[in-house]
Amino acid sequence: MAIGVRVEPQLEQQLDQLARSMGKSRSACVREAITQYVQRFSTTDEALRQSALIAAAGDSANWSEQLPNWTDWTA
């Protein structure tokens, strides 16, 4: 499948330079970048792990710093 993407000329030049320095094609670099992006943002493993740790702690009231009451504060 082919996907067309528009980028700024400067970014295109940087991509071409990077691809040349790595001995890869522009397409190969873009494929790798998209793969990493999808893997990073489509997985919720880390969020689920952190939620489990908070739940296991049992005392959700102390997992973050309590904020002061600012209702009577004036500038």
PDB file of N, CA and C in Angstrom:
ATOM      1  N   MET A   1       0.851  -1.168   0.000  1.00  0.00           N
ATOM      2  CA  MET A   1       0.000   0.000   0.000  1.00  0.00           C
ATOM      3  C   MET A   1       0.901   1.238   0.000  1.00  0.00           C
ATOM      4  N   ALA A   2       0.517   2.224  -0.735  1.00  0.00           N
ATOM      5  CA  ALA A   2       1.264   3.476  -0.796  1.00  0.00           C
ATOM      6  C   ALA A   2       0.481   4.566  -0.067  1.00  0.00           C
ATOM      7  N   ILE A   3       1.211   5.396   0.679  1.00  0.00           N
ATOM      8  CA  ILE A   3       0.629   6.523   1.401  1.00  0.00           C
ATOM      9  C   ILE A   3       1.419   7.766   1.016  1.00  0.00           C
ATOM     10  N   GLY A   4       0.723   8.812   0.654  1.00  0.00           N
ATOM     11  CA  GLY A   4       1.388  10.068   0.336  1.00  0.00           C
ATOM     12  C   GLY A   4       1.335  11.005   1.535  1.00  0.00           C
ATOM     13  N   VAL A   5       2.449  11.612   1.839  1.00  0.00           N
ATOM     14  CA  VAL A   5       2.530  12.529   2.971  1.00  0.00           C
ATOM     15  C   VAL A   5       3.253  13.789   2.514  1.00  0.00           C
ATOM     16  N   ARG A   6       2.692  14.935   2.850  1.00  0.00           N
ATOM     17  CA  ARG A   6       3.340  16.199   2.511  1.00  0.00           C
ATOM     18  C   ARG A   6       4.142  16.685   3.703  1.00  0.00           C
ATOM     19  N   VAL A   7       5.375  17.071   3.436  1.00  0.00           N
ATOM     20  CA  VAL A   7       6.247  17.607   4.477  1.00  0.00           C
ATOM     21  C   VAL A   7       6.916  18.871   3.958  1.00  0.00           C
ATOM     22  N   GLU A   8       7.399  19.652   4.878  1.00  0.00           N
ATOM     23  CA  GLU A   8       8.129  20.863   4.516  1.00  0.00           C
ATOM     24  C   GLU A   8       9.421  20.480   3.795  1.00  0.00           C
ATOM     25  N   PRO A   9       9.872  21.307   2.854  1.00  0.00           N
ATOM     26  CA  PRO A   9      11.099  20.997   2.112  1.00  0.00           C
ATOM     27  C   PRO A   9      12.308  20.748   3.017  1.00  0.00           C
ATOM     28  N   GLN A  10      12.418  21.503   4.098  1.00  0.00           N
ATOM     29  CA  GLN A  10      13.556  21.318   5.003  1.00  0.00           C
ATOM     30  C   GLN A  10      13.513  19.940   5.661  1.00  0.00           C
ATOM     31  N   LEU A  11      12.322  19.499   6.057  1.00  0.00           N
ATOM     32  CA  LEU A  11      12.183  18.171   6.660  1.00  0.00           C
ATOM     33  C   LEU A  11      12.508  17.084   5.643  1.00  0.00           C
ATOM     34  N   GLU A  12      12.088  17.282   4.419  1.00  0.00           N
ATOM     35  CA  GLU A  12      12.400  16.316   3.363  1.00  0.00           C
ATOM     36  C   GLU A  12      13.909  16.203   3.162  1.00  0.00           C
ATOM     37  N   GLN A  13      14.592  17.339   3.166  1.00  0.00           N
ATOM     38  CA  GLN A  13      16.057  17.327   3.016  1.00  0.00           C
ATOM     39  C   GLN A  13      16.719  16.616   4.188  1.00  0.00           C
ATOM     40  N   GLN A  14      16.234  16.883   5.390  1.00  0.00           N
ATOM     41  CA  GLN A  14      16.795  16.220   6.568  1.00  0.00           C
ATOM     42  C   GLN A  14      16.566  14.716   6.504  1.00  0.00           C
ATOM     43  N   LEU A  15      15.375  14.310   6.067  1.00  0.00           N
ATOM     44  CA  LEU A  15      15.069  12.892   5.931  1.00  0.00           C
ATOM     45  C   LEU A  15      15.981  12.239   4.901  1.00  0.00           C
ATOM     46  N   ASP A  16      16.169  12.902   3.783  1.00  0.00           N
ATOM     47  CA  ASP A  16      17.049  12.357   2.750  1.00  0.00           C
ATOM     48  C   ASP A  16      18.481  12.214   3.250  1.00  0.00           C
ATOM     49  N   GLN A  17      18.966  13.216   3.978  1.00  0.00           N
ATOM     50  CA  GLN A  17      20.324  13.146   4.529  1.00  0.00           C
ATOM     51  C   GLN A  17      20.454  12.006   5.524  1.00  0.00           C
ATOM     52  N   LEU A  18      19.457  11.866   6.379  1.00  0.00           N
ATOM     53  CA  LEU A  18      19.474  10.785   7.367  1.00  0.00           C
ATOM     54  C   LEU A  18      19.439   9.430   6.682  1.00  0.00           C
ATOM     55  N   ALA A  19      18.566   9.288   5.704  1.00  0.00           N
ATOM     56  CA  ALA A  19      18.459   8.015   4.979  1.00  0.00           C
ATOM     57  C   ALA A  19      19.795   7.664   4.317  1.00  0.00           C
ATOM     58  N   ARG A  20      20.422   8.628   3.666  1.00  0.00           N
ATOM     59  CA  ARG A  20      21.725   8.381   3.029  1.00  0.00           C
ATOM     60  C   ARG A  20      22.767   7.960   4.065  1.00  0.00           C
ATOM     61  N   SER A  21      22.794   8.667   5.200  1.00  0.00           N
ATOM     62  CA  SER A  21      23.804   8.359   6.219  1.00  0.00           C
ATOM     63  C   SER A  21      23.599   6.982   6.827  1.00  0.00           C
ATOM     64  N   MET A  22      22.363   6.498   6.805  1.00  0.00           N
ATOM     65  CA  MET A  22      22.054   5.182   7.352  1.00  0.00           C
ATOM     66  C   MET A  22      22.088   4.089   6.284  1.00  0.00           C
ATOM     67  N   GLY A  23      22.270   4.504   5.036  1.00  0.00           N
ATOM     68  CA  GLY A  23      22.291   3.534   3.946  1.00  0.00           C
ATOM     69  C   GLY A  23      20.930   2.930   3.665  1.00  0.00           C
ATOM     70  N   LYS A  24      19.897   3.717   3.904  1.00  0.00           N
ATOM     71  CA  LYS A  24      18.528   3.248   3.699  1.00  0.00           C
ATOM     72  C   LYS A  24      17.819   4.166   2.718  1.00  0.00           C
ATOM     73  N   SER A  25      16.689   3.693   2.245  1.00  0.00           N
ATOM     74  CA  SER A  25      15.864   4.541   1.391  1.00  0.00           C
ATOM     75  C   SER A  25      15.007   5.449   2.263  1.00  0.00           C
ATOM     76  N   ARG A  26      14.507   6.511   1.654  1.00  0.00           N
ATOM     77  CA  ARG A  26      13.577   7.411   2.348  1.00  0.00           C
ATOM     78  C   ARG A  26      12.363   6.614   2.824  1.00  0.00           C
ATOM     79  N   SER A  27      11.843   5.749   1.971  1.00  0.00           N
ATOM     80  CA  SER A  27      10.662   4.946   2.314  1.00  0.00           C
ATOM     81  C   SER A  27      10.929   4.041   3.511  1.00  0.00           C
ATOM     82  N   ALA A  28      12.111   3.442   3.563  1.00  0.00           N
ATOM     83  CA  ALA A  28      12.442   2.557   4.679  1.00  0.00           C
ATOM     84  C   ALA A  28      12.453   3.341   5.995  1.00  0.00           C
ATOM     85  N   CYS A  29      13.008   4.541   5.980  1.00  0.00           N
ATOM     86  CA  CYS A  29      13.033   5.372   7.187  1.00  0.00           C
ATOM     87  C   CYS A  29      11.623   5.765   7.615  1.00  0.00           C
ATOM     88  N   VAL A  30      10.786   6.121   6.662  1.00  0.00           N
ATOM     89  CA  VAL A  30       9.413   6.517   6.982  1.00  0.00           C
ATOM     90  C   VAL A  30       8.632   5.315   7.520  1.00  0.00           C
ATOM     91  N   ARG A  31       8.819   4.144   6.921  1.00  0.00           N
ATOM     92  CA  ARG A  31       8.145   2.932   7.415  1.00  0.00           C
ATOM     93  C   ARG A  31       8.535   2.647   8.862  1.00  0.00           C
ATOM     94  N   GLU A  32       9.836   2.741   9.163  1.00  0.00           N
ATOM     95  CA  GLU A  32      10.304   2.494  10.527  1.00  0.00           C
ATOM     96  C   GLU A  32       9.716   3.513  11.500  1.00  0.00           C
ATOM     97  N   ALA A  33       9.664   4.778  11.091  1.00  0.00           N
ATOM     98  CA  ALA A  33       9.127   5.825  11.961  1.00  0.00           C
ATOM     99  C   ALA A  33       7.647   5.593  12.235  1.00  0.00           C
ATOM    100  N   ILE A  34       6.895   5.220  11.210  1.00  0.00           N
ATOM    101  CA  ILE A  34       5.458   4.968  11.396  1.00  0.00           C
ATOM    102  C   ILE A  34       5.249   3.755  12.298  1.00  0.00           C
ATOM    103  N   THR A  35       6.041   2.722  12.096  1.00  0.00           N
ATOM    104  CA  THR A  35       5.945   1.527  12.936  1.00  0.00           C
ATOM    105  C   THR A  35       6.175   1.864  14.399  1.00  0.00           C
ATOM    106  N   GLN A  36       7.227   2.641  14.680  1.00  0.00           N
ATOM    107  CA  GLN A  36       7.517   3.027  16.059  1.00  0.00           C
ATOM    108  C   GLN A  36       6.406   3.898  16.630  1.00  0.00           C
ATOM    109  N   TYR A  37       5.881   4.804  15.851  1.00  0.00           N
ATOM    110  CA  TYR A  37       4.803   5.692  16.302  1.00  0.00           C
ATOM    111  C   TYR A  37       3.566   4.885  16.682  1.00  0.00           C
ATOM    112  N   VAL A  38       3.185   3.960  15.809  1.00  0.00           N
ATOM    113  CA  VAL A  38       2.002   3.139  16.056  1.00  0.00           C
ATOM    114  C   VAL A  38       2.208   2.269  17.299  1.00  0.00           C
ATOM    115  N   GLN A  39       3.377   1.673  17.436  1.00  0.00           N
ATOM    116  CA  GLN A  39       3.646   0.844  18.606  1.00  0.00           C
ATOM    117  C   GLN A  39       3.604   1.674  19.884  1.00  0.00           C
ATOM    118  N   ARG A  40       4.156   2.859  19.848  1.00  0.00           N
ATOM    119  CA  ARG A  40       4.224   3.694  21.041  1.00  0.00           C
ATOM    120  C   ARG A  40       2.843   4.164  21.488  1.00  0.00           C
ATOM    121  N   PHE A  41       2.014   4.581  20.553  1.00  0.00           N
ATOM    122  CA  PHE A  41       0.754   5.204  20.915  1.00  0.00           C
ATOM    123  C   PHE A  41      -0.451   4.269  20.870  1.00  0.00           C
ATOM    124  N   SER A  42      -0.302   3.053  20.404  1.00  0.00           N
ATOM    125  CA  SER A  42      -1.444   2.149  20.365  1.00  0.00           C
ATOM    126  C   SER A  42      -1.445   1.176  21.535  1.00  0.00           C
ATOM    127  N   THR A  43      -0.396   1.147  22.303  1.00  0.00           N
ATOM    128  CA  THR A  43      -0.349   0.229  23.436  1.00  0.00           C
ATOM    129  C   THR A  43      -0.662   0.967  24.729  1.00  0.00           C
ATOM    130  N   THR A  44      -1.405   0.327  25.549  1.00  0.00           N
ATOM    131  CA  THR A  44      -1.751   0.922  26.845  1.00  0.00           C
ATOM    132  C   THR A  44      -1.107   0.138  27.982  1.00  0.00           C
ATOM    133  N   ASP A  45      -0.139  -0.690  27.660  1.00  0.00           N
ATOM    134  CA  ASP A  45       0.501  -1.519  28.674  1.00  0.00           C
ATOM    135  C   ASP A  45       1.070  -0.703  29.830  1.00  0.00           C
ATOM    136  N   GLU A  46       1.760   0.376  29.511  1.00  0.00           N
ATOM    137  CA  GLU A  46       2.370   1.185  30.570  1.00  0.00           C
ATOM    138  C   GLU A  46       1.307   1.855  31.428  1.00  0.00           C
ATOM    139  N   ALA A  47       0.263   2.380  30.813  1.00  0.00           N
ATOM    140  CA  ALA A  47      -0.819   3.007  31.581  1.00  0.00           C
ATOM    141  C   ALA A  47      -1.503   1.978  32.478  1.00  0.00           C
ATOM    142  N   LEU A  48      -1.731   0.783  31.960  1.00  0.00           N
ATOM    143  CA  LEU A  48      -2.353  -0.269  32.766  1.00  0.00           C
ATOM    144  C   LEU A  48      -1.445  -0.686  33.920  1.00  0.00           C
ATOM    145  N   ARG A  49      -0.150  -0.752  33.671  1.00  0.00           N
ATOM    146  CA  ARG A  49       0.806  -1.120  34.724  1.00  0.00           C
ATOM    147  C   ARG A  49       0.787  -0.092  35.844  1.00  0.00           C
ATOM    148  N   GLN A  50       0.805   1.192  35.485  1.00  0.00           N
ATOM    149  CA  GLN A  50       0.798   2.243  36.491  1.00  0.00           C
ATOM    150  C   GLN A  50      -0.520   2.267  37.261  1.00  0.00           C
ATOM    151  N   SER A  51      -1.630   2.048  36.583  1.00  0.00           N
ATOM    152  CA  SER A  51      -2.924   2.004  37.253  1.00  0.00           C
ATOM    153  C   SER A  51      -2.970   0.852  38.257  1.00  0.00           C
ATOM    154  N   ALA A  52      -2.414  -0.281  37.882  1.00  0.00           N
ATOM    155  CA  ALA A  52      -2.388  -1.438  38.780  1.00  0.00           C
ATOM    156  C   ALA A  52      -1.541  -1.137  40.011  1.00  0.00           C
ATOM    157  N   LEU A  53      -0.423  -0.443  39.831  1.00  0.00           N
ATOM    158  CA  LEU A  53       0.413  -0.083  40.975  1.00  0.00           C
ATOM    159  C   LEU A  53      -0.323   0.846  41.929  1.00  0.00           C
ATOM    160  N   ILE A  54      -1.038   1.810  41.386  1.00  0.00           N
ATOM    161  CA  ILE A  54      -1.806   2.742  42.229  1.00  0.00           C
ATOM    162  C   ILE A  54      -2.911   1.989  42.963  1.00  0.00           C
ATOM    163  N   ALA A  55      -3.607   1.109  42.262  1.00  0.00           N
ATOM    164  CA  ALA A  55      -4.685   0.346  42.889  1.00  0.00           C
ATOM    165  C   ALA A  55      -4.131  -0.577  43.977  1.00  0.00           C
ATOM    166  N   ALA A  56      -2.963  -1.151  43.725  1.00  0.00           N
ATOM    167  CA  ALA A  56      -2.359  -2.059  44.704  1.00  0.00           C
ATOM    168  C   ALA A  56      -1.928  -1.317  45.959  1.00  0.00           C
ATOM    169  N   ALA A  57      -1.584  -0.044  45.831  1.00  0.00           N
ATOM    170  CA  ALA A  57      -1.179   0.741  46.994  1.00  0.00           C
ATOM    171  C   ALA A  57      -2.343   0.883  47.960  1.00  0.00           C
ATOM    172  N   GLY A  58      -3.574   0.876  47.447  1.00  0.00           N
ATOM    173  CA  GLY A  58      -4.740   0.881  48.290  1.00  0.00           C
ATOM    174  C   GLY A  58      -5.161   2.224  48.834  1.00  0.00           C
ATOM    175  N   ASP A  59      -4.237   3.129  49.062  1.00  0.00           N
ATOM    176  CA  ASP A  59      -4.567   4.431  49.648  1.00  0.00           C
ATOM    177  C   ASP A  59      -4.466   5.487  48.560  1.00  0.00           C
ATOM    178  N   SER A  60      -5.536   5.649  47.794  1.00  0.00           N
ATOM    179  CA  SER A  60      -5.507   6.571  46.665  1.00  0.00           C
ATOM    180  C   SER A  60      -5.450   8.025  47.090  1.00  0.00           C
ATOM    181  N   ALA A  61      -5.763   8.328  48.356  1.00  0.00           N
ATOM    182  CA  ALA A  61      -5.763   9.720  48.803  1.00  0.00           C
ATOM    183  C   ALA A  61      -4.360  10.292  48.869  1.00  0.00           C
ATOM    184  N   ASN A  62      -3.339   9.446  48.993  1.00  0.00           N
ATOM    185  CA  ASN A  62      -1.973   9.948  49.173  1.00  0.00           C
ATOM    186  C   ASN A  62      -1.069   9.698  47.971  1.00  0.00           C
ATOM    187  N   TRP A  63      -1.625   9.329  46.841  1.00  0.00           N
ATOM    188  CA  TRP A  63      -0.761   9.039  45.703  1.00  0.00           C
ATOM    189  C   TRP A  63      -0.252  10.286  45.017  1.00  0.00           C
ATOM    190  N   SER A  64      -0.830  11.451  45.328  1.00  0.00           N
ATOM    191  CA  SER A  64      -0.315  12.706  44.790  1.00  0.00           C
ATOM    192  C   SER A  64      -0.386  13.771  45.869  1.00  0.00           C
ATOM    193  N   GLU A  65       0.322  14.840  45.650  1.00  0.00           N
ATOM    194  CA  GLU A  65       0.337  15.938  46.607  1.00  0.00           C
ATOM    195  C   GLU A  65      -1.029  16.599  46.661  1.00  0.00           C
ATOM    196  N   GLN A  66      -1.510  16.842  47.851  1.00  0.00           N
ATOM    197  CA  GLN A  66      -2.795  17.510  48.010  1.00  0.00           C
ATOM    198  C   GLN A  66      -2.634  19.003  47.735  1.00  0.00           C
ATOM    199  N   LEU A  67      -3.563  19.582  47.016  1.00  0.00           N
ATOM    200  CA  LEU A  67      -3.509  21.000  46.684  1.00  0.00           C
ATOM    201  C   LEU A  67      -4.132  21.832  47.793  1.00  0.00           C
ATOM    202  N   PRO A  68      -3.601  23.030  48.047  1.00  0.00           N
ATOM    203  CA  PRO A  68      -4.179  23.886  49.064  1.00  0.00           C
ATOM    204  C   PRO A  68      -5.519  24.444  48.604  1.00  0.00           C
ATOM    205  N   ASN A  69      -6.295  24.932  49.541  1.00  0.00           N
ATOM    206  CA  ASN A  69      -7.571  25.567  49.246  1.00  0.00           C
ATOM    207  C   ASN A  69      -7.292  27.019  48.843  1.00  0.00           C
ATOM    208  N   TRP A  70      -7.517  27.348  47.594  1.00  0.00           N
ATOM    209  CA  TRP A  70      -7.218  28.677  47.078  1.00  0.00           C
ATOM    210  C   TRP A  70      -8.461  29.554  46.997  1.00  0.00           C
ATOM    211  N   THR A  71      -9.564  29.171  47.574  1.00  0.00           N
ATOM    212  CA  THR A  71     -10.812  29.939  47.407  1.00  0.00           C
ATOM    213  C   THR A  71     -10.717  31.331  48.002  1.00  0.00           C
ATOM    214  N   ASP A  72      -9.897  31.534  49.017  1.00  0.00           N
ATOM    215  CA  ASP A  72      -9.809  32.861  49.628  1.00  0.00           C
ATOM    216  C   ASP A  72      -8.568  33.634  49.187  1.00  0.00           C
ATOM    217  N   TRP A  73      -7.865  33.127  48.178  1.00  0.00           N
ATOM    218  CA  TRP A  73      -6.642  33.759  47.714  1.00  0.00           C
ATOM    219  C   TRP A  73      -6.950  34.910  46.775  1.00  0.00           C
ATOM    220  N   THR A  74      -6.292  36.035  46.952  1.00  0.00           N
ATOM    221  CA  THR A  74      -6.477  37.198  46.062  1.00  0.00           C
ATOM    222  C   THR A  74      -5.117  37.685  45.619  1.00  0.00           C
ATOM    223  N   ALA A  75      -5.081  38.268  44.456  1.00  0.00           N
ATOM    224  CA  ALA A  75      -3.820  38.763  43.911  1.00  0.00           C
ATOM    225  C   ALA A  75      -3.616  40.216  44.291  1.00  0.00           C
TER     226      ALA A  75
END
